[in-house]
Amino acid sequence: MKVLVAIKGVPDYSGPVRVLPDGSSVDISSLRKVINPFDEIAVEEAVRLKEKGQVSEIIALTIGLGTAQEILRTALAMGADRGVLIETDQEIQPLAAAAVLAQYAMRETVQLCFLGKQAVDTDNNQTGQMMAGFLGWSQGTFASKVVLNEKGVEVTREIDGGLETVQLVFPAVITTDLRLNQPRYLSLPNIVQAKRKPIDVQPLTALGLDVAARLKTLKVSVPEKKRRSQRVESAAELVACLRRDRVIE
């Protein structure tokens, strides 16, 4: 069985994030890109299934600039067999990403797709669901356990009330949650070996898809800092503070 894993490069979440002076966006020019943590879990789960002999090939796909190949190399070092970069300098929103992934999944005739449940830079939590909608495939979101069986794939998913187990038939789309697994550390031999694995670079324009942005960011601002609290001993003292126009922080 062939598996497609979608990954996204996100700004290093351990670095400082600043809003541009004009409030149009976030300044991430000084931050390096790393693989989205939820997508790293998706790659790990696909690799574990391959190690069990249940998966024959893992394809890691990302969309972005040529520098995104570094993100693909991380997935290849984890155990993916080959990488695909859909190259573009356009902003890719969830609907466009879902369309790209759906088209590629059909082209490669994959039976199972893994995605992180959301990307930590935008937190949209939409791409996996939209991809399943485009394809008309069954879907299991927020997966904390995945078991392949004779009927297809059993997914235990996290919901507000606890856990829910669903049985999906192939082909299927699964989005991964934090408790699904703990991604492995990359060993030096695997990092070296990843450099020999193929990466197929294709221009986004060759897919012939409408990837125009549907959403427009009006303004980005820094969250207001929480004011410190101050305890007063009585209502009279509180009134006295207010009369002096003193801010109760």
Protein backbone atom coordinates (compact mmCIF):
# COMPACT_ATOMS: atom_id res chain seq x y z
CA MET A 1 0.00 0.00 0.00
CA LYS A 2 1.27 3.43 -0.97
CA VAL A 3 0.96 6.29 1.54
CA LEU A 4 1.13 10.04 0.96
CA VAL A 5 2.21 12.28 3.83
CA ALA A 6 1.71 16.04 3.53
CA ILE A 7 4.22 18.19 5.40
CA LYS A 8 4.60 21.93 5.83
CA GLY A 9 7.54 24.10 6.75
CA VAL A 10 6.69 26.47 9.60
CA PRO A 11 8.79 29.12 11.37
CA ASP A 12 10.84 27.72 14.23
CA TYR A 13 8.42 28.05 17.14
CA SER A 14 11.30 28.43 19.62
CA GLY A 15 12.37 31.72 18.03
CA PRO A 16 11.04 35.25 18.59
CA VAL A 17 8.02 36.33 16.53
CA ARG A 18 7.49 40.01 15.72
CA VAL A 19 4.72 41.88 13.95
CA LEU A 20 5.74 44.08 11.02
CA PRO A 21 5.52 47.83 11.73
CA ASP A 22 2.64 48.29 9.29
CA GLY A 23 0.66 45.48 10.92
CA SER A 24 0.28 43.61 7.62
CA SER A 25 1.86 40.35 8.73
CA VAL A 26 4.38 38.65 11.02
CA ASP A 27 8.08 39.12 10.46
CA ILE A 28 9.61 35.64 10.16
CA SER A 29 12.55 36.61 7.97
CA SER A 30 15.06 35.82 10.71
CA LEU A 31 13.53 32.45 11.62
CA ARG A 32 14.50 29.16 10.03
CA LYS A 33 11.82 26.80 8.77
CA VAL A 34 11.21 23.48 10.52
CA ILE A 35 8.78 20.67 9.83
CA ASN A 36 5.37 21.29 11.38
CA PRO A 37 5.24 19.21 14.61
CA PHE A 38 1.88 17.61 13.75
CA ASP A 39 3.21 16.67 10.31
CA GLU A 40 6.27 15.12 11.92
CA ILE A 41 3.88 12.87 13.84
CA ALA A 42 2.17 12.00 10.54
CA VAL A 43 5.50 10.95 9.00
CA GLU A 44 6.39 8.90 12.07
CA GLU A 45 3.09 7.00 11.93
CA ALA A 46 3.52 6.19 8.24
CA VAL A 47 7.07 4.96 8.89
CA ARG A 48 5.88 2.74 11.76
CA LEU A 49 3.28 1.16 9.50
CA LYS A 50 5.96 0.50 6.90
CA GLU A 51 8.20 -1.09 9.54
CA LYS A 52 5.30 -3.44 10.34
CA GLY A 53 5.15 -4.44 6.67
CA GLN A 54 1.72 -2.84 6.15
CA VAL A 55 2.95 -0.04 3.86
CA SER A 56 5.10 -0.46 0.75
CA GLU A 57 6.05 3.14 -0.05
CA ILE A 58 5.88 6.53 1.67
CA ILE A 59 5.78 9.75 -0.37
CA ALA A 60 6.37 13.03 1.47
CA LEU A 61 4.95 16.10 -0.25
CA THR A 62 5.29 19.78 0.53
CA ILE A 63 4.38 23.03 -1.22
CA GLY A 64 6.63 26.09 -1.23
CA LEU A 65 9.93 27.58 -2.30
CA GLY A 66 12.98 25.58 -3.35
CA THR A 67 14.33 25.89 0.19
CA ALA A 68 11.48 23.62 1.32
CA GLN A 69 13.61 20.69 0.16
CA GLU A 70 15.28 20.88 3.57
CA ILE A 71 11.94 20.02 5.16
CA LEU A 72 11.56 17.07 2.79
CA ARG A 73 15.03 15.83 3.75
CA THR A 74 13.85 15.66 7.36
CA ALA A 75 10.95 13.41 6.33
CA LEU A 76 13.27 11.29 4.20
CA ALA A 77 15.68 10.90 7.11
CA MET A 78 12.78 9.70 9.25
CA GLY A 79 12.01 6.95 6.74
CA ALA A 80 10.00 8.34 3.82
CA ASP A 81 11.05 6.82 0.48
CA ARG A 82 10.83 9.85 -1.80
CA GLY A 83 9.92 13.48 -1.68
CA VAL A 84 7.83 15.77 -3.86
CA LEU A 85 8.11 19.56 -3.87
CA ILE A 86 5.35 21.53 -5.57
CA GLU A 87 7.34 24.70 -6.06
CA THR A 88 5.75 28.14 -5.82
CA ASP A 89 6.31 31.52 -4.23
CA GLN A 90 2.56 32.15 -3.83
CA GLU A 91 0.75 32.12 -0.52
CA ILE A 92 -0.97 28.74 -0.28
CA GLN A 93 -4.09 28.72 1.84
CA PRO A 94 -5.82 25.53 3.08
CA LEU A 95 -8.25 25.19 0.15
CA ALA A 96 -5.44 25.46 -2.39
CA ALA A 97 -3.24 23.04 -0.44
CA ALA A 98 -6.10 20.54 -0.27
CA ALA A 99 -6.65 20.78 -4.04
CA VAL A 100 -2.96 20.15 -4.73
CA LEU A 101 -2.82 17.18 -2.35
CA ALA A 102 -6.02 15.69 -3.76
CA GLN A 103 -4.75 15.87 -7.32
CA TYR A 104 -1.41 14.33 -6.41
CA ALA A 105 -3.06 11.56 -4.38
CA MET A 106 -5.14 10.61 -7.41
CA ARG A 107 -2.12 10.73 -9.68
CA GLU A 108 -0.12 8.40 -7.44
CA THR A 109 -3.14 6.17 -6.66
CA VAL A 110 -2.35 6.18 -2.96
CA GLN A 111 -4.63 4.37 -0.53
CA LEU A 112 -3.89 6.36 2.61
CA CYS A 113 -2.98 9.99 3.29
CA PHE A 114 -1.58 11.34 6.54
CA LEU A 115 -1.57 15.03 7.50
CA GLY A 116 -0.99 16.85 10.74
CA LYS A 117 -4.30 18.04 12.18
CA GLN A 118 -3.13 21.65 11.86
CA ALA A 119 -0.09 23.80 11.19
CA VAL A 120 1.29 25.68 14.18
CA ASP A 121 1.76 28.92 12.23
CA THR A 122 -1.87 29.40 11.15
CA ASP A 123 -3.80 26.79 13.23
CA ASN A 124 -6.50 26.52 10.55
CA ASN A 125 -7.20 22.78 10.94
CA GLN A 126 -8.85 22.62 7.49
CA THR A 127 -6.61 21.02 4.87
CA GLY A 128 -7.19 17.36 5.72
CA GLN A 129 -10.97 17.73 5.81
CA MET A 130 -11.02 19.70 2.55
CA MET A 131 -8.77 17.13 0.87
CA ALA A 132 -11.12 14.30 1.87
CA GLY A 133 -14.01 16.38 0.55
CA PHE A 134 -12.34 16.90 -2.83
CA LEU A 135 -11.63 13.18 -3.16
CA GLY A 136 -14.83 11.85 -1.61
CA TRP A 137 -12.72 9.65 0.69
CA SER A 138 -13.44 8.58 4.24
CA GLN A 139 -11.64 10.60 6.91
CA GLY A 140 -10.48 10.23 10.48
CA THR A 141 -9.45 13.46 12.17
CA PHE A 142 -7.50 14.12 15.40
CA ALA A 143 -6.18 10.55 15.42
CA SER A 144 -4.56 9.32 18.63
CA LYS A 145 -4.38 5.68 17.46
CA VAL A 146 -4.29 4.08 14.01
CA VAL A 147 -4.70 0.34 13.38
CA LEU A 148 -4.81 -1.22 9.91
CA ASN A 149 -7.10 -4.25 9.68
CA GLU A 150 -8.92 -6.42 7.16
CA LYS A 151 -11.76 -3.92 6.78
CA GLY A 152 -9.53 -0.88 6.29
CA VAL A 153 -8.19 1.30 9.09
CA GLU A 154 -9.49 1.80 12.62
CA VAL A 155 -8.92 5.31 13.96
CA THR A 156 -9.29 6.37 17.57
CA ARG A 157 -9.91 10.09 17.54
CA GLU A 158 -9.92 12.68 20.28
CA ILE A 159 -13.19 14.55 20.79
CA ASP A 160 -14.48 16.94 23.45
CA GLY A 161 -16.14 14.16 25.41
CA GLY A 162 -13.18 11.76 25.33
CA LEU A 163 -12.32 9.24 22.60
CA GLU A 164 -14.25 7.98 19.59
CA THR A 165 -13.28 4.98 17.44
CA VAL A 166 -14.26 4.90 13.77
CA GLN A 167 -13.70 2.28 11.09
CA LEU A 168 -12.64 3.71 7.74
CA VAL A 169 -12.51 2.00 4.36
CA PHE A 170 -9.71 2.67 1.91
CA PRO A 171 -8.86 5.10 0.45
CA ALA A 172 -8.81 7.35 3.49
CA VAL A 173 -7.43 10.60 4.88
CA ILE A 174 -6.17 10.75 8.47
CA THR A 175 -5.10 13.84 10.42
CA THR A 176 -2.79 13.23 13.36
CA ASP A 177 -2.97 14.51 16.93
CA LEU A 178 -0.20 14.90 19.51
CA ARG A 179 -0.84 11.67 21.40
CA LEU A 180 -0.57 9.42 18.34
CA ASN A 181 3.18 8.86 18.74
CA GLN A 182 6.54 10.35 19.66
CA PRO A 183 8.60 11.10 16.53
CA ARG A 184 12.04 9.50 16.48
CA TYR A 185 15.34 11.32 16.71
CA LEU A 186 17.25 11.45 13.45
CA SER A 187 20.43 9.40 13.39
CA LEU A 188 23.47 10.55 11.40
CA PRO A 189 23.39 7.52 9.05
CA ASN A 190 19.73 8.22 8.22
CA ILE A 191 20.48 11.89 7.59
CA VAL A 192 23.28 10.93 5.20
CA GLN A 193 21.10 8.33 3.50
CA ALA A 194 18.30 10.88 3.07
CA LYS A 195 20.56 12.95 0.83
CA ARG A 196 20.58 10.09 -1.68
CA LYS A 197 16.80 9.72 -1.82
CA PRO A 198 15.02 11.38 -4.76
CA ILE A 199 13.07 14.63 -4.58
CA ASP A 200 10.80 15.42 -7.51
CA VAL A 201 10.42 19.19 -8.01
CA GLN A 202 7.37 20.29 -9.98
CA PRO A 203 6.08 23.83 -10.62
CA LEU A 204 2.67 24.56 -9.16
CA THR A 205 1.56 26.09 -12.46
CA ALA A 206 1.91 22.69 -14.17
CA LEU A 207 -1.01 21.36 -12.11
CA GLY A 208 -3.44 23.80 -13.66
CA LEU A 209 -5.23 24.51 -10.39
CA ASP A 210 -6.87 27.69 -9.13
CA VAL A 211 -4.85 28.52 -6.02
CA ALA A 212 -5.92 32.14 -5.61
CA ALA A 213 -6.20 33.26 -2.00
CA ARG A 214 -9.76 33.25 -0.65
CA LEU A 215 -8.95 34.98 2.63
CA LYS A 216 -7.38 38.39 3.18
CA THR A 217 -5.58 39.39 6.36
CA LEU A 218 -6.75 42.84 7.38
CA LYS A 219 -4.47 43.43 10.35
CA VAL A 220 -2.01 41.67 12.62
CA SER A 221 -1.36 43.03 16.10
CA VAL A 222 0.55 42.06 19.21
CA PRO A 223 -1.70 40.67 21.98
CA GLU A 224 -2.33 43.17 24.74
CA LYS A 225 -0.19 42.47 27.75
CA LYS A 226 -2.12 41.33 30.77
CA ARG A 227 -2.21 43.87 33.54
CA ARG A 228 -0.88 42.93 36.91
CA SER A 229 -3.38 42.62 39.71
CA GLN A 230 -3.27 44.54 42.94
CA ARG A 231 -5.04 43.57 46.13
CA VAL A 232 -6.84 46.19 48.20
CA GLU A 233 -7.95 45.65 51.78
CA SER A 234 -11.42 47.14 51.58
CA ALA A 235 -14.07 48.66 49.36
CA ALA A 236 -13.21 52.06 50.78
CA GLU A 237 -9.60 51.73 49.62
CA LEU A 238 -10.83 50.66 46.17
CA VAL A 239 -13.07 53.72 45.93
CA ALA A 240 -10.19 55.94 47.03
CA CYS A 241 -7.99 54.50 44.27
CA LEU A 242 -10.67 55.09 41.66
CA ARG A 243 -11.21 58.67 42.85
CA ARG A 244 -7.55 59.38 42.35
CA ASP A 245 -7.89 58.00 38.82
CA ARG A 246 -5.37 55.41 39.78
CA VAL A 247 -5.36 52.37 37.52
CA ILE A 248 -5.95 49.17 39.43
CA GLU A 249 -3.51 46.84 37.73
